[in-house]
């Protein structure tokens, strides 16, 4: 069912190439300084979108169009400042000003609703948070040293820092949930999970991806594996998707061990969080638990060999800044898998910016 809603991958790649060339034409149509100014102003755009998410404008408009006066009163903000904010965002397609003077949601604005099926509100607020902005203000230091800036600024690695900052950690978790939701349909449409009887999602959070996989493979059963404090929130989501009776929740740390005996091990956006030595350690623990005929499926941004813009190239800098981690090419993932006792068999493209790297034990 999911695949019928997903456009062909080749078509999506062709559209991306067209967009790339159109963006270059657009840049060349204006003086270079003007084009550069537009790029620099991207920081302001992102921050204003973050503010819109923080203020809850999209949530307030979910009930229908409203005037500026109505919005400012409901949101308890300055009416003139709100008008100026919306004027700027309307110019880039976020929100719409109707002929009757009321404001309403656009498709882009819908993604800023906290209850949107694929919500970007958490990501907007995470990127726009004062702490994250401070991290990125030191990106030049990360380039100079090749090391993350968070340990120097906060005195501890990023995940330890988040553990001590519950409000910021909440934004981060919301951001990751939104990103995960945005990639679920692409993953399920691109790969046939129906051949596996048992599928383990290692570092699977609350189980959203595993739930979707089991919906596409009704004969399969799942194992959801993550830290105890993470999987504690999983039952509500699993019940909502009607798969709670088909999934065993197994708390633990992938730095110690992973559940044994699955036919497929899924690790989505796990390996990119860690430098090479830690990544190999995680994969070796999977190798110790996996049967010889099992498949390991890494769902990651795979850096392509072209020079066009690519989402993963920017996430790669994020990983450098905050975590001493990185996005990798297919060859680099192959090297990690080799060190852990696996062989990369293929890379499956999806309609999104992520790919599925399939490996088998050697």
Protein backbone atom coordinates (compact mmCIF):
# COMPACT_ATOMS: atom_id res chain seq x y z
CA UNK A 1 0.00 0.00 0.00
CA UNK A 2 2.78 2.39 0.89
CA UNK A 3 4.56 1.97 -2.44
CA UNK A 4 1.52 3.09 -4.43
CA UNK A 5 1.79 6.47 -2.74
CA UNK A 6 5.50 6.81 -3.39
CA UNK A 7 6.81 8.21 -6.70
CA UNK A 8 9.41 6.21 -8.65
CA UNK A 9 12.91 6.71 -7.30
CA UNK A 10 14.35 7.44 -10.74
CA UNK A 11 11.80 10.19 -11.26
CA UNK A 12 12.69 11.77 -7.91
CA UNK A 13 16.40 11.73 -8.78
CA UNK A 14 15.65 13.32 -12.17
CA UNK A 15 13.63 16.08 -10.50
CA UNK A 16 16.51 16.69 -8.09
CA UNK A 17 18.90 17.14 -11.02
CA UNK A 18 16.52 19.59 -12.66
CA UNK A 19 16.16 21.55 -9.42
CA UNK A 20 19.94 21.69 -9.09
CA UNK A 21 20.38 23.17 -12.56
CA UNK A 22 17.49 25.61 -12.05
CA UNK A 23 19.06 26.82 -8.80
CA UNK A 24 22.33 27.44 -10.63
CA UNK A 25 20.52 29.38 -13.33
CA UNK A 26 18.77 31.41 -10.64
CA UNK A 27 22.09 32.23 -8.99
CA UNK A 28 23.66 33.32 -12.27
CA UNK A 29 20.72 35.57 -13.09
CA UNK A 30 21.73 38.04 -10.36
CA UNK A 31 25.06 39.58 -9.32
CA UNK A 32 27.17 37.14 -7.28
CA UNK A 33 27.00 39.34 -4.20
CA UNK A 34 23.20 39.32 -4.35
CA UNK A 35 23.14 35.53 -4.74
CA UNK A 36 25.51 35.17 -1.80
CA UNK A 37 23.35 37.49 0.30
CA UNK A 38 20.39 35.20 -0.33
CA UNK A 39 22.41 32.23 0.92
CA UNK A 40 23.58 34.10 4.01
CA UNK A 41 20.02 35.14 4.80
CA UNK A 42 19.17 31.44 5.08
CA UNK A 43 20.16 31.73 8.74
CA UNK A 44 17.48 34.37 9.28
CA UNK A 45 14.90 32.30 7.42
CA UNK A 46 15.58 29.23 9.55
CA UNK A 47 15.40 31.26 12.75
CA UNK A 48 12.08 32.85 11.81
CA UNK A 49 10.63 29.45 10.95
CA UNK A 50 11.85 28.22 14.33
CA UNK A 51 10.13 31.17 16.02
CA UNK A 52 6.89 30.41 14.16
CA UNK A 53 7.03 26.85 15.46
CA UNK A 54 7.80 28.01 18.99
CA UNK A 55 4.90 30.47 18.98
CA UNK A 56 2.52 27.79 17.66
CA UNK A 57 1.21 29.80 14.72
CA UNK A 58 0.52 26.76 12.55
CA UNK A 59 -1.30 25.01 15.41
CA UNK A 60 -3.45 28.10 15.92
CA UNK A 61 -4.36 28.26 12.22
CA UNK A 62 -5.17 24.55 12.06
CA UNK A 63 -8.74 25.40 13.02
CA UNK A 64 -9.13 27.74 10.05
CA UNK A 65 -8.06 31.17 8.75
CA UNK A 66 -7.73 34.06 11.18
CA UNK A 67 -7.02 37.77 11.09
CA UNK A 68 -3.81 39.22 12.45
CA UNK A 69 -5.71 40.70 15.36
CA UNK A 70 -7.26 37.32 16.22
CA UNK A 71 -3.92 35.56 15.96
CA UNK A 72 -2.02 38.08 18.05
CA UNK A 73 -4.66 37.90 20.77
CA UNK A 74 -4.73 34.11 20.86
CA UNK A 75 -0.94 33.82 20.79
CA UNK A 76 -0.39 36.75 23.15
CA UNK A 77 2.12 38.46 20.82
CA UNK A 78 2.53 41.94 19.44
CA UNK A 79 0.20 42.36 16.46
CA UNK A 80 2.53 44.53 14.37
CA UNK A 81 5.53 42.27 14.95
CA UNK A 82 3.42 39.24 14.04
CA UNK A 83 2.29 40.95 10.83
CA UNK A 84 5.89 41.63 9.85
CA UNK A 85 6.89 38.06 10.66
CA UNK A 86 4.08 36.59 8.57
CA UNK A 87 4.83 39.00 5.71
CA UNK A 88 8.38 37.63 5.52
CA UNK A 89 7.33 33.99 5.76
CA UNK A 90 4.54 34.37 3.22
CA UNK A 91 7.17 35.51 0.71
CA UNK A 92 8.83 32.10 0.84
CA UNK A 93 5.62 30.08 0.78
CA UNK A 94 5.13 29.54 4.51
CA UNK A 95 1.57 30.75 5.31
CA UNK A 96 -0.77 32.63 2.96
CA UNK A 97 -2.51 36.01 3.16
CA UNK A 98 -6.04 35.72 1.78
CA UNK A 99 -7.88 38.39 -0.13
CA UNK A 100 -10.22 38.84 2.85
CA UNK A 101 -7.24 39.78 5.03
CA UNK A 102 -7.08 36.55 7.00
CA UNK A 103 -4.06 34.28 7.25
CA UNK A 104 -4.14 30.57 6.51
CA UNK A 105 -1.87 27.54 6.27
CA UNK A 106 -0.01 26.43 3.16
CA UNK A 107 1.37 22.94 2.60
CA UNK A 108 4.70 24.09 4.04
CA UNK A 109 3.03 25.65 7.06
CA UNK A 110 1.13 22.39 7.70
CA UNK A 111 4.44 20.72 8.50
CA UNK A 112 4.91 23.16 11.40
CA UNK A 113 1.82 21.82 13.16
CA UNK A 114 2.81 19.71 16.14
CA UNK A 115 0.12 17.18 15.20
CA UNK A 116 0.99 17.02 11.50
CA UNK A 117 1.46 13.47 10.19
CA UNK A 118 5.03 14.47 9.33
CA UNK A 119 5.82 17.35 11.66
CA UNK A 120 8.92 19.50 11.23
CA UNK A 121 8.05 21.65 14.25
CA UNK A 122 10.48 19.80 16.49
CA UNK A 123 13.29 20.07 13.97
CA UNK A 124 12.64 23.79 13.50
CA UNK A 125 12.77 24.42 17.23
CA UNK A 126 15.84 22.21 17.73
CA UNK A 127 17.81 23.99 15.00
CA UNK A 128 16.64 27.38 16.28
CA UNK A 129 17.35 26.70 19.95
CA UNK A 130 19.87 29.00 21.61
CA UNK A 131 22.10 26.04 22.51
CA UNK A 132 22.19 24.59 19.01
CA UNK A 133 22.81 28.02 17.51
CA UNK A 134 25.75 28.42 19.87
CA UNK A 135 27.18 25.09 18.76
CA UNK A 136 27.03 26.10 15.11
CA UNK A 137 28.53 29.50 15.86
CA UNK A 138 31.74 27.56 16.54
CA UNK A 139 31.71 25.59 13.27
CA UNK A 140 34.97 27.24 12.17
CA UNK A 141 36.63 25.75 15.25
CA UNK A 142 35.34 22.31 14.25
CA UNK A 143 36.85 22.74 10.79
CA UNK A 144 40.17 23.93 12.22
CA UNK A 145 40.50 21.03 14.64
CA UNK A 146 38.44 18.28 13.01
CA UNK A 147 36.70 17.79 16.36
CA UNK A 148 33.24 18.43 17.77
CA UNK A 149 32.73 21.67 19.65
CA UNK A 150 30.17 20.39 22.17
CA UNK A 151 32.65 18.73 24.56
CA UNK A 152 34.71 21.92 24.74
CA UNK A 153 31.65 24.13 25.25
CA UNK A 154 29.65 21.89 27.55
CA UNK A 155 32.32 19.77 29.20
CA UNK A 156 30.76 16.50 28.02
CA UNK A 157 29.68 14.67 24.83
CA UNK A 158 26.40 15.66 23.18
CA UNK A 159 24.27 12.78 24.48
CA UNK A 160 25.51 13.28 28.04
CA UNK A 161 24.79 16.99 27.68
CA UNK A 162 21.25 16.30 26.46
CA UNK A 163 20.68 13.95 29.40
CA UNK A 164 21.32 16.90 31.70
CA UNK A 165 19.11 19.29 29.70
CA UNK A 166 15.62 17.73 29.64
CA UNK A 167 13.92 20.61 27.80
CA UNK A 168 16.53 20.62 25.04
CA UNK A 169 16.49 16.83 24.93
CA UNK A 170 12.73 17.01 24.41
CA UNK A 171 13.23 19.25 21.37
CA UNK A 172 15.89 16.88 20.04
CA UNK A 173 13.59 13.88 20.45
CA UNK A 174 10.75 15.70 18.71
CA UNK A 175 13.11 16.59 15.87
CA UNK A 176 14.25 12.99 15.47
CA UNK A 177 10.67 11.73 15.60
CA UNK A 178 9.69 14.08 12.79
CA UNK A 179 12.67 13.04 10.68
CA UNK A 180 11.94 9.38 11.30
CA UNK A 181 8.31 9.80 10.28
CA UNK A 182 9.37 11.58 7.08
CA UNK A 183 11.48 8.61 5.98
CA UNK A 184 9.24 5.70 6.98
CA UNK A 185 7.26 5.42 3.76
CA UNK A 186 10.40 5.76 1.63
CA UNK A 187 12.15 2.91 3.44
CA UNK A 188 9.17 0.55 3.35
CA UNK A 189 8.53 1.27 -0.34
CA UNK A 190 12.16 0.64 -1.32
CA UNK A 191 12.86 -2.65 0.43
CA UNK A 192 11.02 -5.98 0.67
CA UNK A 193 10.85 -6.93 4.34
CA UNK A 194 8.29 -9.72 3.77
CA UNK A 195 10.98 -12.41 3.46
CA UNK A 196 12.01 -12.06 7.11
CA UNK A 197 10.28 -13.85 9.98
CA UNK A 198 11.89 -11.80 12.76
CA UNK A 199 13.13 -8.23 12.38
CA UNK A 200 15.11 -6.46 15.10
CA UNK A 201 15.25 -2.68 15.14
CA UNK A 202 18.47 -1.78 16.98
CA UNK A 203 18.28 1.68 18.50
CA UNK A 204 14.70 1.83 17.28
CA UNK A 205 13.37 4.45 19.69
CA UNK A 206 9.62 4.17 20.19
CA UNK A 207 9.31 1.76 17.26
CA UNK A 208 7.74 3.90 14.54
CA UNK A 209 9.87 2.43 11.76
CA UNK A 210 9.47 -1.12 13.05
CA UNK A 211 5.70 -0.66 13.20
CA UNK A 212 5.65 0.42 9.55
CA UNK A 213 7.88 -2.48 8.54
CA UNK A 214 5.57 -4.97 10.24
CA UNK A 215 2.57 -3.37 8.56
CA UNK A 216 4.27 -4.09 5.22
CA UNK A 217 5.23 -7.63 6.31
CA UNK A 218 2.16 -8.99 8.12
CA UNK A 219 3.70 -12.43 8.78
CA UNK A 220 6.77 -11.01 10.53
CA UNK A 221 7.41 -10.36 14.17
CA UNK A 222 9.67 -7.66 15.59
CA UNK A 223 12.12 -6.96 18.38
CA UNK A 224 12.46 -3.35 19.49
CA UNK A 225 15.82 -2.68 21.13
CA UNK A 226 16.93 0.57 22.74
CA UNK A 227 17.89 2.03 26.09
CA UNK A 228 15.39 1.33 28.89
CA UNK A 229 14.41 4.98 29.27
CA UNK A 230 13.74 5.18 25.52
CA UNK A 231 11.64 2.05 24.98
CA UNK A 232 9.58 2.91 28.06
CA UNK A 233 7.56 5.19 25.78
CA UNK A 234 7.12 2.61 23.01
CA UNK A 235 3.92 0.77 24.04
CA UNK A 236 1.65 3.74 23.36
CA UNK A 237 2.94 4.12 19.79
CA UNK A 238 2.88 0.40 19.10
CA UNK A 239 -0.73 0.14 20.30
CA UNK A 240 -1.69 3.10 18.13
CA UNK A 241 -0.39 1.24 15.08
CA UNK A 242 -1.91 -2.08 16.13
CA UNK A 243 1.35 -4.04 16.26
CA UNK A 244 2.00 -4.27 20.00
CA UNK A 245 1.21 -8.01 20.06
CA UNK A 246 3.82 -8.68 17.33
CA UNK A 247 6.75 -6.82 18.91
CA UNK A 248 8.93 -7.83 21.84
CA UNK A 249 10.48 -4.86 23.63
CA UNK A 250 14.03 -5.64 24.69
CA UNK A 251 15.84 -2.84 26.60
CA UNK A 252 19.60 -2.56 26.51
CA UNK A 253 22.65 -0.81 25.07
CA UNK A 254 24.06 -1.69 21.66
CA UNK A 255 27.53 -0.99 23.07
CA UNK A 256 27.09 -4.09 25.23
CA UNK A 257 25.02 -6.51 23.14
CA UNK A 258 21.97 -6.79 20.87
CA UNK A 259 19.18 -9.39 20.76
CA UNK A 260 20.12 -12.71 19.19
CA UNK A 261 18.45 -14.73 16.47
CA UNK A 262 16.73 -12.17 14.21
CA UNK A 263 16.60 -12.66 10.46
CA UNK A 264 17.20 -8.97 9.83
CA UNK A 265 18.80 -6.24 11.93
CA UNK A 266 17.75 -2.68 11.12
CA UNK A 267 19.88 0.24 12.32
CA UNK A 268 18.44 3.56 11.23
CA UNK A 269 20.61 6.66 11.70
CA UNK A 270 22.66 4.84 14.33
CA UNK A 271 26.10 4.36 12.79
CA UNK A 272 26.32 7.99 11.63
CA UNK A 273 26.14 9.09 15.28
CA UNK A 274 29.53 7.59 16.11
CA UNK A 275 33.19 7.79 15.07
CA UNK A 276 34.66 4.77 13.30
CA UNK A 277 35.87 2.83 16.35
CA UNK A 278 32.52 3.07 18.12
CA UNK A 279 30.64 2.31 14.90
CA UNK A 280 32.66 -0.88 14.40
CA UNK A 281 32.03 -1.86 18.02
CA UNK A 282 28.27 -1.56 17.52
CA UNK A 283 28.42 -3.58 14.31
CA UNK A 284 30.57 -6.25 15.95
CA UNK A 285 27.92 -6.67 18.64
CA UNK A 286 25.34 -7.13 15.89
CA UNK A 287 27.64 -9.68 14.24
CA UNK A 288 27.92 -11.62 17.51
CA UNK A 289 24.13 -11.82 17.77
CA UNK A 290 23.27 -12.45 14.13
CA UNK A 291 22.91 -15.81 12.48
CA UNK A 292 25.12 -16.39 9.46
CA UNK A 293 22.23 -15.98 7.02
CA UNK A 294 20.86 -12.80 8.64
CA UNK A 295 20.78 -9.45 6.87
CA UNK A 296 22.03 -6.21 8.40
CA UNK A 297 20.28 -3.11 7.05
CA UNK A 298 21.85 0.27 7.74
CA UNK A 299 19.51 3.14 6.91
CA UNK A 300 21.66 6.22 6.46
CA UNK A 301 22.52 9.20 4.30
CA UNK A 302 25.05 7.84 1.82
CA UNK A 303 27.25 10.63 0.49
CA UNK A 304 27.15 10.49 -3.34
CA UNK A 305 30.13 11.12 -5.60
CA UNK A 306 28.47 14.05 -7.43
CA UNK A 307 28.95 17.73 -6.56
CA UNK A 308 25.26 18.61 -6.43
CA UNK A 309 23.59 19.72 -3.25
CA UNK A 310 22.61 16.81 -1.02
CA UNK A 311 20.89 16.80 2.35
CA UNK A 312 23.41 14.41 3.83
CA UNK A 313 26.35 16.72 3.15
CA UNK A 314 24.85 19.26 5.54
CA UNK A 315 23.98 16.63 8.14
CA UNK A 316 27.61 15.56 7.88
CA UNK A 317 28.70 18.98 9.15
CA UNK A 318 26.12 18.76 11.93
CA UNK A 319 27.65 15.46 12.99
CA UNK A 320 31.12 17.01 12.97
CA UNK A 321 30.03 20.00 15.04
CA UNK A 322 28.11 18.15 17.74
CA UNK A 323 29.34 14.57 17.94
CA UNK A 324 32.75 13.82 16.35
CA UNK A 325 30.71 11.63 14.00
CA UNK A 326 30.11 11.70 10.25
CA UNK A 327 28.04 10.74 7.23
CA UNK A 328 29.86 8.31 4.95
CA UNK A 329 30.14 7.16 1.36
CA UNK A 330 29.13 3.64 0.36
CA UNK A 331 32.81 2.67 0.25
CA UNK A 332 33.36 3.99 3.78
CA UNK A 333 30.36 2.04 5.07
CA UNK A 334 31.73 -1.01 3.31
CA UNK A 335 35.02 -0.63 5.18
CA UNK A 336 33.26 -0.39 8.55
CA UNK A 337 31.19 -3.47 7.77
CA UNK A 338 34.30 -5.40 6.69
CA UNK A 339 36.00 -4.64 10.01
CA UNK A 340 32.93 -5.91 11.87
CA UNK A 341 32.67 -9.19 9.96
CA UNK A 342 30.10 -8.25 7.32
CA UNK A 343 30.15 -7.77 3.56
CA UNK A 344 28.21 -4.96 1.89
CA UNK A 345 26.03 -6.58 -0.78
CA UNK A 346 24.09 -3.62 -2.20
CA UNK A 347 22.91 -0.08 -1.61
CA UNK A 348 19.19 0.43 -2.14
CA UNK A 349 18.17 3.94 -3.16
CA UNK A 350 14.92 5.45 -1.83
CA UNK A 351 12.81 8.40 -2.92
CA UNK A 352 14.16 10.31 0.04
CA UNK A 353 17.74 11.37 0.75
CA UNK A 354 18.45 8.16 2.69
CA UNK A 355 19.57 4.78 1.40
CA UNK A 356 19.48 1.22 2.71
CA UNK A 357 22.84 -0.53 2.92
CA UNK A 358 22.38 -4.31 2.96
CA UNK A 359 25.11 -6.54 4.37
CA UNK A 360 25.65 -10.22 5.18
CA UNK A 361 28.02 -12.00 7.53
CA UNK A 362 31.31 -13.35 6.21
